[in-house]
Amino acid sequence: MNNDFSTTCFVCEEPVAKDCLRNPSINLPVCEKCRGTENEQRAVNELLEGMADGFVCGCI
């Protein structure tokens, strides 16, 4: 897996131009091929799910 998110599509991990479109939910680059697809939405959901792993609200 390539971790250079600034130059690869976060869905298919193919190289993209520096001025490519970005997903508005997570601000990562997405190529024209993946833009608006179910794969893009699935990748967004997976990334957002993983953001809260290990965190617990301290107000309880």
PDB file of N, CA and C in Angstrom:
ATOM      1  N   MET A   1       0.842  -1.188   0.000  1.00  0.00           N
ATOM      2  CA  MET A   1       0.000   0.000   0.000  1.00  0.00           C
ATOM      3  C   MET A   1       0.882   1.245   0.000  1.00  0.00           C
ATOM      4  N   ASN A   2       0.590   2.139  -0.883  1.00  0.00           N
ATOM      5  CA  ASN A   2       1.346   3.375  -0.994  1.00  0.00           C
ATOM      6  C   ASN A   2       0.771   4.396  -0.028  1.00  0.00           C
ATOM      7  N   ASN A   3       1.586   5.014   0.820  1.00  0.00           N
ATOM      8  CA  ASN A   3       1.098   5.958   1.824  1.00  0.00           C
ATOM      9  C   ASN A   3       1.278   7.416   1.439  1.00  0.00           C
ATOM     10  N   ASP A   4       1.641   7.701   0.191  1.00  0.00           N
ATOM     11  CA  ASP A   4       1.788   9.083  -0.244  1.00  0.00           C
ATOM     12  C   ASP A   4       0.435   9.588  -0.731  1.00  0.00           C
ATOM     13  N   PHE A   5      -0.434   9.980   0.224  1.00  0.00           N
ATOM     14  CA  PHE A   5      -1.808  10.352  -0.083  1.00  0.00           C
ATOM     15  C   PHE A   5      -1.918  11.608  -0.931  1.00  0.00           C
ATOM     16  N   SER A   6      -0.873  12.417  -1.012  1.00  0.00           N
ATOM     17  CA  SER A   6      -0.967  13.648  -1.783  1.00  0.00           C
ATOM     18  C   SER A   6      -0.874  13.408  -3.286  1.00  0.00           C
ATOM     19  N   THR A   7      -0.377  12.251  -3.719  1.00  0.00           N
ATOM     20  CA  THR A   7      -0.212  12.002  -5.153  1.00  0.00           C
ATOM     21  C   THR A   7      -0.894  10.731  -5.625  1.00  0.00           C
ATOM     22  N   THR A   8      -1.678  10.072  -4.783  1.00  0.00           N
ATOM     23  CA  THR A   8      -2.380   8.864  -5.199  1.00  0.00           C
ATOM     24  C   THR A   8      -3.852   8.968  -4.832  1.00  0.00           C
ATOM     25  N   CYS A   9      -4.674   8.325  -5.638  1.00  0.00           N
ATOM     26  CA  CYS A   9      -6.112   8.248  -5.355  1.00  0.00           C
ATOM     27  C   CYS A   9      -6.307   7.398  -4.104  1.00  0.00           C
ATOM     28  N   PHE A  10      -7.076   7.877  -3.150  1.00  0.00           N
ATOM     29  CA  PHE A  10      -7.241   7.131  -1.910  1.00  0.00           C
ATOM     30  C   PHE A  10      -8.100   5.886  -2.102  1.00  0.00           C
ATOM     31  N   VAL A  11      -8.779   5.768  -3.236  1.00  0.00           N
ATOM     32  CA  VAL A  11      -9.631   4.605  -3.497  1.00  0.00           C
ATOM     33  C   VAL A  11      -8.838   3.500  -4.196  1.00  0.00           C
ATOM     34  N   CYS A  12      -8.261   3.816  -5.366  1.00  0.00           N
ATOM     35  CA  CYS A  12      -7.573   2.795  -6.159  1.00  0.00           C
ATOM     36  C   CYS A  12      -6.053   2.854  -6.044  1.00  0.00           C
ATOM     37  N   GLU A  13      -5.541   3.880  -5.393  1.00  0.00           N
ATOM     38  CA  GLU A  13      -4.110   4.078  -5.161  1.00  0.00           C
ATOM     39  C   GLU A  13      -3.305   4.291  -6.438  1.00  0.00           C
ATOM     40  N   GLU A  14      -3.965   4.717  -7.506  1.00  0.00           N
ATOM     41  CA  GLU A  14      -3.272   5.069  -8.751  1.00  0.00           C
ATOM     42  C   GLU A  14      -2.763   6.503  -8.636  1.00  0.00           C
ATOM     43  N   PRO A  15      -1.678   6.839  -9.322  1.00  0.00           N
ATOM     44  CA  PRO A  15      -1.161   8.208  -9.283  1.00  0.00           C
ATOM     45  C   PRO A  15      -2.177   9.205  -9.843  1.00  0.00           C
ATOM     46  N   VAL A  16      -2.223  10.391  -9.239  1.00  0.00           N
ATOM     47  CA  VAL A  16      -3.108  11.468  -9.698  1.00  0.00           C
ATOM     48  C   VAL A  16      -2.303  12.756  -9.799  1.00  0.00           C
ATOM     49  N   ALA A  17      -2.839  13.713 -10.541  1.00  0.00           N
ATOM     50  CA  ALA A  17      -2.193  15.017 -10.664  1.00  0.00           C
ATOM     51  C   ALA A  17      -2.331  15.783  -9.356  1.00  0.00           C
ATOM     52  N   LYS A  18      -1.401  16.682  -9.105  1.00  0.00           N
ATOM     53  CA  LYS A  18      -1.437  17.485  -7.875  1.00  0.00           C
ATOM     54  C   LYS A  18      -2.713  18.310  -7.768  1.00  0.00           C
ATOM     55  N   ASP A  19      -3.277  18.718  -8.906  1.00  0.00           N
ATOM     56  CA  ASP A  19      -4.470  19.562  -8.891  1.00  0.00           C
ATOM     57  C   ASP A  19      -5.763  18.757  -9.134  1.00  0.00           C
ATOM     58  N   CYS A  20      -5.761  17.475  -8.765  1.00  0.00           N
ATOM     59  CA  CYS A  20      -6.926  16.623  -8.983  1.00  0.00           C
ATOM     60  C   CYS A  20      -8.056  16.988  -8.015  1.00  0.00           C
ATOM     61  N   LEU A  21      -9.208  16.383  -8.230  1.00  0.00           N
ATOM     62  CA  LEU A  21     -10.345  16.591  -7.336  1.00  0.00           C
ATOM     63  C   LEU A  21     -10.078  15.938  -5.989  1.00  0.00           C
ATOM     64  N   ARG A  22     -10.716  16.460  -4.958  1.00  0.00           N
ATOM     65  CA  ARG A  22     -10.583  15.896  -3.615  1.00  0.00           C
ATOM     66  C   ARG A  22     -11.961  15.536  -3.098  1.00  0.00           C
ATOM     67  N   ASN A  23     -12.020  14.482  -2.318  1.00  0.00           N
ATOM     68  CA  ASN A  23     -13.278  14.100  -1.697  1.00  0.00           C
ATOM     69  C   ASN A  23     -13.585  15.120  -0.607  1.00  0.00           C
ATOM     70  N   PRO A  24     -14.771  15.733  -0.620  1.00  0.00           N
ATOM     71  CA  PRO A  24     -15.075  16.790   0.343  1.00  0.00           C
ATOM     72  C   PRO A  24     -15.197  16.302   1.796  1.00  0.00           C
ATOM     73  N   SER A  25     -15.482  15.030   2.002  1.00  0.00           N
ATOM     74  CA  SER A  25     -15.642  14.504   3.364  1.00  0.00           C
ATOM     75  C   SER A  25     -14.319  14.313   4.083  1.00  0.00           C
ATOM     76  N   ILE A  26     -13.306  13.865   3.348  1.00  0.00           N
ATOM     77  CA  ILE A  26     -12.035  13.538   4.005  1.00  0.00           C
ATOM     78  C   ILE A  26     -10.844  14.280   3.418  1.00  0.00           C
ATOM     79  N   ASN A  27     -11.081  15.117   2.406  1.00  0.00           N
ATOM     80  CA  ASN A  27     -10.051  15.961   1.802  1.00  0.00           C
ATOM     81  C   ASN A  27      -8.848  15.173   1.279  1.00  0.00           C
ATOM     82  N   LEU A  28      -9.102  14.016   0.683  1.00  0.00           N
ATOM     83  CA  LEU A  28      -8.051  13.231   0.044  1.00  0.00           C
ATOM     84  C   LEU A  28      -8.309  13.204  -1.456  1.00  0.00           C
ATOM     85  N   PRO A  29      -7.240  13.104  -2.260  1.00  0.00           N
ATOM     86  CA  PRO A  29      -7.407  13.103  -3.710  1.00  0.00           C
ATOM     87  C   PRO A  29      -8.135  11.863  -4.210  1.00  0.00           C
ATOM     88  N   VAL A  30      -8.959  12.059  -5.243  1.00  0.00           N
ATOM     89  CA  VAL A  30      -9.673  10.958  -5.876  1.00  0.00           C
ATOM     90  C   VAL A  30      -9.598  11.149  -7.387  1.00  0.00           C
ATOM     91  N   CYS A  31      -9.330  10.072  -8.117  1.00  0.00           N
ATOM     92  CA  CYS A  31      -9.210  10.158  -9.572  1.00  0.00           C
ATOM     93  C   CYS A  31     -10.590  10.205 -10.219  1.00  0.00           C
ATOM     94  N   GLU A  32     -10.607  10.587 -11.495  1.00  0.00           N
ATOM     95  CA  GLU A  32     -11.868  10.678 -12.241  1.00  0.00           C
ATOM     96  C   GLU A  32     -12.567   9.324 -12.326  1.00  0.00           C
ATOM     97  N   LYS A  33     -11.797   8.241 -12.418  1.00  0.00           N
ATOM     98  CA  LYS A  33     -12.361   6.897 -12.539  1.00  0.00           C
ATOM     99  C   LYS A  33     -13.137   6.496 -11.284  1.00  0.00           C
ATOM    100  N   CYS A  34     -12.670   6.907 -10.114  1.00  0.00           N
ATOM    101  CA  CYS A  34     -13.292   6.515  -8.844  1.00  0.00           C
ATOM    102  C   CYS A  34     -14.305   7.533  -8.330  1.00  0.00           C
ATOM    103  N   ARG A  35     -14.256   8.747  -8.830  1.00  0.00           N
ATOM    104  CA  ARG A  35     -15.110   9.839  -8.356  1.00  0.00           C
ATOM    105  C   ARG A  35     -16.589   9.482  -8.482  1.00  0.00           C
ATOM    106  N   GLY A  36     -17.316   9.522  -7.356  1.00  0.00           N
ATOM    107  CA  GLY A  36     -18.752   9.302  -7.352  1.00  0.00           C
ATOM    108  C   GLY A  36     -19.182   7.846  -7.387  1.00  0.00           C
ATOM    109  N   THR A  37     -18.252   6.921  -7.232  1.00  0.00           N
ATOM    110  CA  THR A  37     -18.593   5.497  -7.298  1.00  0.00           C
ATOM    111  C   THR A  37     -18.886   4.935  -5.916  1.00  0.00           C
ATOM    112  N   GLU A  38     -19.446   3.729  -5.903  1.00  0.00           N
ATOM    113  CA  GLU A  38     -19.676   3.032  -4.639  1.00  0.00           C
ATOM    114  C   GLU A  38     -18.349   2.734  -3.948  1.00  0.00           C
ATOM    115  N   ASN A  39     -17.314   2.458  -4.732  1.00  0.00           N
ATOM    116  CA  ASN A  39     -15.987   2.196  -4.152  1.00  0.00           C
ATOM    117  C   ASN A  39     -15.475   3.406  -3.384  1.00  0.00           C
ATOM    118  N   GLU A  40     -15.717   4.611  -3.922  1.00  0.00           N
ATOM    119  CA  GLU A  40     -15.293   5.821  -3.223  1.00  0.00           C
ATOM    120  C   GLU A  40     -16.029   5.940  -1.892  1.00  0.00           C
ATOM    121  N   GLN A  41     -17.341   5.741  -1.894  1.00  0.00           N
ATOM    122  CA  GLN A  41     -18.121   5.863  -0.658  1.00  0.00           C
ATOM    123  C   GLN A  41     -17.701   4.808   0.356  1.00  0.00           C
ATOM    124  N   ARG A  42     -17.421   3.588  -0.121  1.00  0.00           N
ATOM    125  CA  ARG A  42     -16.978   2.513   0.773  1.00  0.00           C
ATOM    126  C   ARG A  42     -15.632   2.878   1.412  1.00  0.00           C
ATOM    127  N   ALA A  43     -14.717   3.433   0.612  1.00  0.00           N
ATOM    128  CA  ALA A  43     -13.401   3.826   1.126  1.00  0.00           C
ATOM    129  C   ALA A  43     -13.534   4.955   2.151  1.00  0.00           C
ATOM    130  N   VAL A  44     -14.422   5.915   1.898  1.00  0.00           N
ATOM    131  CA  VAL A  44     -14.665   7.004   2.857  1.00  0.00           C
ATOM    132  C   VAL A  44     -15.181   6.420   4.166  1.00  0.00           C
ATOM    133  N   ASN A  45     -16.165   5.527   4.078  1.00  0.00           N
ATOM    134  CA  ASN A  45     -16.734   4.926   5.291  1.00  0.00           C
ATOM    135  C   ASN A  45     -15.690   4.157   6.083  1.00  0.00           C
ATOM    136  N   GLU A  46     -14.833   3.410   5.394  1.00  0.00           N
ATOM    137  CA  GLU A  46     -13.783   2.657   6.078  1.00  0.00           C
ATOM    138  C   GLU A  46     -12.803   3.592   6.790  1.00  0.00           C
ATOM    139  N   LEU A  47     -12.430   4.681   6.133  1.00  0.00           N
ATOM    140  CA  LEU A  47     -11.492   5.621   6.750  1.00  0.00           C
ATOM    141  C   LEU A  47     -12.130   6.337   7.942  1.00  0.00           C
ATOM    142  N   LEU A  48     -13.395   6.718   7.826  1.00  0.00           N
ATOM    143  CA  LEU A  48     -14.057   7.412   8.924  1.00  0.00           C
ATOM    144  C   LEU A  48     -14.318   6.481  10.102  1.00  0.00           C
ATOM    145  N   GLU A  49     -14.626   5.213   9.826  1.00  0.00           N
ATOM    146  CA  GLU A  49     -14.822   4.232  10.893  1.00  0.00           C
ATOM    147  C   GLU A  49     -13.558   4.062  11.712  1.00  0.00           C
ATOM    148  N   GLY A  50     -12.420   3.993  11.034  1.00  0.00           N
ATOM    149  CA  GLY A  50     -11.148   3.750  11.697  1.00  0.00           C
ATOM    150  C   GLY A  50     -10.645   4.942  12.497  1.00  0.00           C
ATOM    151  N   MET A  51     -11.193   6.117  12.263  1.00  0.00           N
ATOM    152  CA  MET A  51     -10.685   7.309  12.959  1.00  0.00           C
ATOM    153  C   MET A  51     -10.985   7.275  14.457  1.00  0.00           C
ATOM    154  N   ALA A  52     -12.060   6.621  14.874  1.00  0.00           N
ATOM    155  CA  ALA A  52     -12.454   6.621  16.277  1.00  0.00           C
ATOM    156  C   ALA A  52     -12.004   5.381  17.035  1.00  0.00           C
ATOM    157  N   ASP A  53     -11.343   4.457  16.367  1.00  0.00           N
ATOM    158  CA  ASP A  53     -10.903   3.238  17.049  1.00  0.00           C
ATOM    159  C   ASP A  53      -9.975   3.572  18.211  1.00  0.00           C
ATOM    160  N   GLY A  54     -10.293   3.039  19.370  1.00  0.00           N
ATOM    161  CA  GLY A  54      -9.448   3.239  20.541  1.00  0.00           C
ATOM    162  C   GLY A  54      -9.764   4.485  21.347  1.00  0.00           C
ATOM    163  N   PHE A  55     -10.665   5.322  20.873  1.00  0.00           N
ATOM    164  CA  PHE A  55     -11.024   6.524  21.599  1.00  0.00           C
ATOM    165  C   PHE A  55     -12.332   6.317  22.349  1.00  0.00           C
ATOM    166  N   VAL A  56     -12.369   6.761  23.572  1.00  0.00           N
ATOM    167  CA  VAL A  56     -13.575   6.649  24.390  1.00  0.00           C
ATOM    168  C   VAL A  56     -13.879   8.023  24.964  1.00  0.00           C
ATOM    169  N   CYS A  57     -15.123   8.375  24.937  1.00  0.00           N
ATOM    170  CA  CYS A  57     -15.539   9.659  25.498  1.00  0.00           C
ATOM    171  C   CYS A  57     -15.275   9.662  27.010  1.00  0.00           C
ATOM    172  N   GLY A  58     -14.686  10.719  27.513  1.00  0.00           N
ATOM    173  CA  GLY A  58     -14.368  10.793  28.930  1.00  0.00           C
ATOM    174  C   GLY A  58     -15.450  11.443  29.770  1.00  0.00           C
ATOM    175  N   CYS A  59     -16.584  11.757  29.172  1.00  0.00           N
ATOM    176  CA  CYS A  59     -17.619  12.475  29.928  1.00  0.00           C
ATOM    177  C   CYS A  59     -18.565  11.556  30.667  1.00  0.00           C
ATOM    178  N   ILE A  60     -18.441  10.258  30.487  1.00  0.00           N
ATOM    179  CA  ILE A  60     -19.359   9.323  31.153  1.00  0.00           C
ATOM    180  C   ILE A  60     -18.878   9.025  32.552  1.00  0.00           C
TER     181      ILE A  60
END
